N, C-alpha and C. Protein backbone atom coordinates (compact mmCIF):
# COMPACT_ATOMS: atom_id res chain seq x y z
N MET A 1 -25.91 -114.56 216.71
CA MET A 1 -26.57 -113.51 215.44
C MET A 1 -27.17 -114.08 214.71
N ALA A 2 -28.35 -113.39 214.48
CA ALA A 2 -29.34 -113.92 213.57
C ALA A 2 -29.00 -113.81 211.88
N ILE A 3 -29.53 -114.79 211.42
CA ILE A 3 -29.28 -114.39 210.08
C ILE A 3 -29.60 -113.36 209.17
N GLY A 4 -28.23 -113.16 208.49
CA GLY A 4 -28.84 -111.68 207.73
C GLY A 4 -28.80 -110.21 208.77
N GLU A 5 -28.51 -110.39 210.19
CA GLU A 5 -28.56 -109.33 210.79
C GLU A 5 -27.32 -108.62 210.88
N GLY A 6 -25.99 -108.92 210.28
CA GLY A 6 -24.93 -108.16 209.85
C GLY A 6 -24.91 -107.43 208.56
N LEU A 7 -25.80 -108.29 208.01
CA LEU A 7 -25.98 -107.68 206.25
C LEU A 7 -27.16 -106.25 206.40
N PHE A 8 -28.61 -106.74 207.21
CA PHE A 8 -29.39 -105.36 207.21
C PHE A 8 -28.72 -104.52 208.11
N SER A 9 -27.79 -104.65 209.42
CA SER A 9 -27.83 -103.44 210.43
C SER A 9 -26.42 -102.49 209.52
N ALA A 10 -25.90 -103.08 208.37
CA ALA A 10 -24.99 -102.68 207.77
C ALA A 10 -25.39 -101.13 206.72
N VAL A 11 -26.66 -101.48 206.24
CA VAL A 11 -27.41 -100.66 205.64
C VAL A 11 -28.07 -99.07 206.19
N PRO A 12 -27.64 -98.25 205.93
CA PRO A 12 -28.19 -97.01 206.85
C PRO A 12 -29.59 -96.89 206.79
N ASN A 13 -29.86 -96.34 207.57
CA ASN A 13 -31.65 -95.86 207.61
C ASN A 13 -32.13 -95.39 206.84
N THR A 14 -31.10 -94.13 206.19
CA THR A 14 -31.96 -93.39 205.15
C THR A 14 -32.12 -94.06 203.85
N VAL A 15 -31.35 -95.49 203.48
CA VAL A 15 -31.55 -96.20 202.75
C VAL A 15 -32.96 -96.92 203.10
N TRP A 16 -33.58 -97.60 204.05
CA TRP A 16 -34.36 -97.85 204.26
C TRP A 16 -35.42 -97.31 204.38
N VAL A 17 -35.18 -95.75 204.70
CA VAL A 17 -36.59 -94.90 204.74
C VAL A 17 -37.15 -94.63 203.05
N VAL A 18 -35.88 -94.75 202.24
CA VAL A 18 -36.33 -94.57 201.09
C VAL A 18 -37.18 -96.22 200.48
N VAL A 19 -36.62 -96.86 200.57
CA VAL A 19 -36.98 -98.17 200.69
C VAL A 19 -38.66 -98.90 201.02
N HIS A 20 -38.66 -98.14 202.20
CA HIS A 20 -40.16 -98.32 202.49
C HIS A 20 -41.23 -96.85 201.99
N ALA A 21 -40.54 -95.89 201.57
CA ALA A 21 -41.19 -94.75 200.97
C ALA A 21 -41.88 -95.15 199.55
N ILE A 22 -41.04 -95.73 199.00
CA ILE A 22 -41.32 -96.44 197.68
C ILE A 22 -42.17 -97.26 197.75
N THR A 23 -42.47 -98.10 198.73
CA THR A 23 -43.45 -99.67 198.75
C THR A 23 -44.77 -98.68 199.27
N ALA A 24 -44.51 -97.67 200.04
CA ALA A 24 -45.90 -96.84 200.56
C ALA A 24 -46.50 -96.52 199.41
N LEU A 25 -45.46 -95.69 198.40
CA LEU A 25 -46.03 -94.87 197.35
C LEU A 25 -46.47 -95.69 196.36
N VAL A 26 -45.87 -97.15 195.82
CA VAL A 26 -46.76 -98.00 195.04
C VAL A 26 -48.00 -98.40 195.67
N GLY A 27 -47.98 -98.89 196.74
CA GLY A 27 -49.38 -99.00 197.35
C GLY A 27 -50.49 -97.76 197.31
N LEU A 28 -49.93 -96.76 197.76
CA LEU A 28 -50.67 -95.68 197.39
C LEU A 28 -51.12 -95.17 195.54
N TYR A 29 -50.26 -95.52 194.86
CA TYR A 29 -50.62 -95.57 193.39
C TYR A 29 -51.88 -96.66 193.29
N TYR A 30 -51.82 -97.72 193.40
CA TYR A 30 -52.79 -98.75 193.35
C TYR A 30 -53.95 -98.38 194.47
N LEU A 31 -54.00 -97.97 195.44
CA LEU A 31 -54.92 -97.99 196.08
C LEU A 31 -56.04 -96.59 195.38
N THR A 32 -55.29 -95.55 194.87
CA THR A 32 -55.66 -94.57 193.99
C THR A 32 -56.64 -95.44 192.50
N LYS A 33 -56.29 -96.30 192.34
CA LYS A 33 -56.83 -96.98 190.79
C LYS A 33 -58.10 -97.91 191.44
N SER A 34 -57.67 -98.47 193.04
CA SER A 34 -58.77 -99.84 192.97
C SER A 34 -60.23 -98.65 193.62
N ARG A 35 -60.38 -97.63 193.50
CA ARG A 35 -61.45 -96.90 194.06
C ARG A 35 -62.76 -97.51 194.04
N SER A 36 -63.09 -98.40 192.63
CA SER A 36 -64.32 -98.85 192.16
C SER A 36 -64.60 -100.46 192.97
N ASP A 37 -63.38 -100.77 193.84
CA ASP A 37 -63.56 -101.70 194.57
C ASP A 37 -63.27 -101.80 195.95
N SER A 38 -64.14 -101.56 196.82
CA SER A 38 -64.27 -101.39 198.22
C SER A 38 -62.59 -102.16 199.01
N THR A 39 -63.32 -103.69 198.81
CA THR A 39 -62.56 -104.66 198.98
C THR A 39 -60.62 -104.42 198.86
N LEU A 40 -60.65 -104.35 197.68
CA LEU A 40 -59.10 -104.10 197.30
C LEU A 40 -58.59 -102.86 197.90
N MET A 41 -59.56 -101.59 197.85
CA MET A 41 -59.15 -100.43 198.62
C MET A 41 -58.33 -100.63 200.25
N TRP A 42 -59.37 -101.39 201.03
CA TRP A 42 -58.90 -101.91 202.30
C TRP A 42 -57.48 -102.46 202.20
N VAL A 43 -57.43 -103.23 201.34
CA VAL A 43 -56.25 -103.86 201.20
C VAL A 43 -54.99 -103.03 200.93
N PHE A 44 -54.99 -102.33 199.91
CA PHE A 44 -53.93 -101.11 199.91
C PHE A 44 -53.86 -100.14 201.08
N ILE A 45 -54.82 -99.76 201.59
CA ILE A 45 -55.03 -98.59 202.58
C ILE A 45 -53.93 -99.50 203.63
N LEU A 46 -54.40 -100.58 204.15
CA LEU A 46 -53.35 -101.90 205.05
C LEU A 46 -52.03 -101.53 204.50
N TYR A 47 -51.52 -101.92 203.54
CA TYR A 47 -50.08 -102.03 202.98
C TYR A 47 -49.47 -100.27 203.00
N VAL A 48 -50.42 -99.42 202.43
CA VAL A 48 -49.75 -98.28 202.88
C VAL A 48 -49.41 -97.84 204.27
N VAL A 49 -50.42 -98.13 205.13
CA VAL A 49 -50.09 -97.84 206.64
C VAL A 49 -48.89 -98.71 207.28
N SER A 50 -48.86 -99.78 206.83
CA SER A 50 -47.74 -100.53 207.26
C SER A 50 -46.32 -100.04 206.73
N GLY A 51 -46.18 -99.74 205.28
CA GLY A 51 -44.99 -98.80 204.86
C GLY A 51 -44.84 -97.65 205.56
N VAL A 52 -45.83 -96.93 205.87
CA VAL A 52 -45.60 -95.96 206.51
C VAL A 52 -44.92 -95.90 207.96
N LEU A 53 -45.83 -96.88 208.51
CA LEU A 53 -45.08 -97.61 209.99
C LEU A 53 -43.64 -98.00 209.99
N PHE A 54 -43.15 -98.74 209.12
CA PHE A 54 -42.28 -98.85 208.56
C PHE A 54 -40.92 -97.79 208.44
N VAL A 55 -41.30 -96.68 208.15
CA VAL A 55 -40.71 -95.32 207.94
C VAL A 55 -40.75 -94.73 209.05
N LEU A 56 -41.52 -94.73 209.59
CA LEU A 56 -41.54 -94.00 210.85
C LEU A 56 -40.42 -95.01 211.78
N VAL A 57 -40.20 -96.17 211.74
CA VAL A 57 -39.46 -96.94 212.54
C VAL A 57 -38.01 -96.42 212.29
N HIS A 58 -37.69 -96.06 211.24
CA HIS A 58 -36.25 -95.84 210.55
C HIS A 58 -35.94 -94.71 210.70
N LEU A 59 -37.33 -93.53 211.25
CA LEU A 59 -36.95 -92.77 211.50
C LEU A 59 -36.71 -92.30 213.17
N GLY A 60 -36.94 -93.23 213.73
CA GLY A 60 -36.49 -93.96 215.17
C GLY A 60 -38.37 -92.85 215.74
N GLN A 61 -39.12 -92.91 215.33
CA GLN A 61 -40.28 -92.63 216.23
C GLN A 61 -41.46 -93.49 216.35
N VAL A 62 -41.00 -94.94 216.03
CA VAL A 62 -41.93 -96.05 216.53
C VAL A 62 -40.78 -96.91 216.82
N ASP A 63 -41.31 -98.01 217.60
CA ASP A 63 -40.70 -99.31 218.26
C ASP A 63 -40.86 -100.16 217.20
N MET A 64 -39.71 -101.04 217.01
CA MET A 64 -39.68 -102.49 215.45
C MET A 64 -40.89 -103.15 216.15
N TYR A 65 -40.65 -103.39 217.34
CA TYR A 65 -41.47 -104.59 217.68
C TYR A 65 -43.04 -104.08 217.96
N THR A 66 -43.41 -102.96 217.91
CA THR A 66 -44.97 -103.11 217.45
C THR A 66 -44.95 -102.73 216.23
N THR A 67 -44.34 -102.36 215.32
CA THR A 67 -44.45 -101.77 213.75
C THR A 67 -45.13 -103.36 213.35
N HIS A 68 -43.77 -104.13 213.69
CA HIS A 68 -43.89 -105.61 213.02
C HIS A 68 -45.34 -106.30 213.74
N ILE A 69 -45.50 -106.61 214.76
CA ILE A 69 -47.12 -106.73 215.32
C ILE A 69 -47.79 -106.76 214.26
N LEU A 70 -48.13 -105.08 214.31
CA LEU A 70 -49.18 -104.14 213.61
C LEU A 70 -48.89 -104.78 211.98
N GLU A 71 -47.97 -104.67 211.13
CA GLU A 71 -47.62 -105.13 209.93
C GLU A 71 -48.33 -106.34 209.83
N SER A 72 -48.11 -107.71 210.84
CA SER A 72 -48.53 -109.03 210.92
C SER A 72 -49.77 -109.03 210.84
N VAL A 73 -50.28 -108.36 211.48
CA VAL A 73 -51.83 -108.06 211.73
C VAL A 73 -52.94 -107.62 210.53
N PHE A 74 -51.95 -106.18 209.93
CA PHE A 74 -52.43 -106.15 208.87
C PHE A 74 -52.71 -106.70 207.61
N MET A 75 -51.56 -107.30 207.30
CA MET A 75 -51.24 -108.18 206.24
C MET A 75 -51.82 -109.86 206.63
N PHE A 76 -52.14 -110.18 207.53
CA PHE A 76 -53.35 -111.19 207.96
C PHE A 76 -54.72 -110.74 207.32
N ILE A 77 -54.72 -109.72 207.70
CA ILE A 77 -56.29 -108.83 207.69
C ILE A 77 -56.54 -108.72 205.74
N ALA A 78 -55.19 -108.37 205.52
CA ALA A 78 -55.26 -107.93 203.74
C ALA A 78 -55.81 -109.74 203.29
N ILE A 79 -54.91 -110.73 203.70
CA ILE A 79 -54.87 -111.84 202.73
C ILE A 79 -56.77 -112.39 202.90
N ILE A 80 -56.92 -112.20 204.58
CA ILE A 80 -58.52 -112.34 204.36
C ILE A 80 -59.50 -111.81 203.20
N LEU A 81 -59.12 -110.74 203.32
CA LEU A 81 -59.79 -109.78 202.23
C LEU A 81 -59.49 -110.34 200.92
N ILE A 82 -58.59 -110.73 200.43
CA ILE A 82 -57.93 -110.76 199.42
C ILE A 82 -58.80 -112.31 198.72
N GLY A 83 -58.69 -113.45 199.77
CA GLY A 83 -59.38 -113.97 200.05
C GLY A 83 -60.81 -114.25 199.88
N THR A 84 -61.40 -113.47 200.10
CA THR A 84 -62.97 -113.53 200.28
C THR A 84 -63.27 -112.91 199.30
N HIS A 85 -62.28 -111.69 198.35
CA HIS A 85 -62.87 -111.29 197.62
C HIS A 85 -62.93 -112.44 195.74
N ALA A 86 -61.70 -113.06 196.05
CA ALA A 86 -61.43 -114.33 195.32
C ALA A 86 -62.60 -114.88 195.03
N VAL A 87 -62.83 -115.39 196.43
CA VAL A 87 -64.15 -115.97 196.01
C VAL A 87 -65.29 -115.78 195.44
N LYS A 88 -65.48 -114.62 196.01
CA LYS A 88 -66.92 -113.70 195.14
C LYS A 88 -66.58 -113.82 194.23
N CYS A 89 -65.43 -113.51 193.43
CA CYS A 89 -65.10 -113.43 192.05
C CYS A 89 -65.62 -114.84 191.34
N CYS A 90 -64.61 -115.66 191.61
CA CYS A 90 -64.61 -116.92 190.85
C CYS A 90 -65.92 -117.66 191.00
N ARG A 91 -67.12 -117.20 192.03
CA ARG A 91 -68.18 -117.61 191.84
C ARG A 91 -69.02 -117.99 190.44
């Protein structure tokens, strides 16, 4: 058994739906606040889509493997966007 597998399996899916919905809503809030900066907007769009995908996983609509791969790609793209934005801002 993987570390934490028993702990996370014991938490009902409804709790995970609420947790991921809250994180998606937080990302959506910051998305609306970052309209003047297109780079940050894309970062928050990727974050929100990732959160929605995880909600769909816990609702049984999407499989976890696909969501995990997409979330990793989205976060990698977001890190690149944040890094390039930071380099531009700090010059």
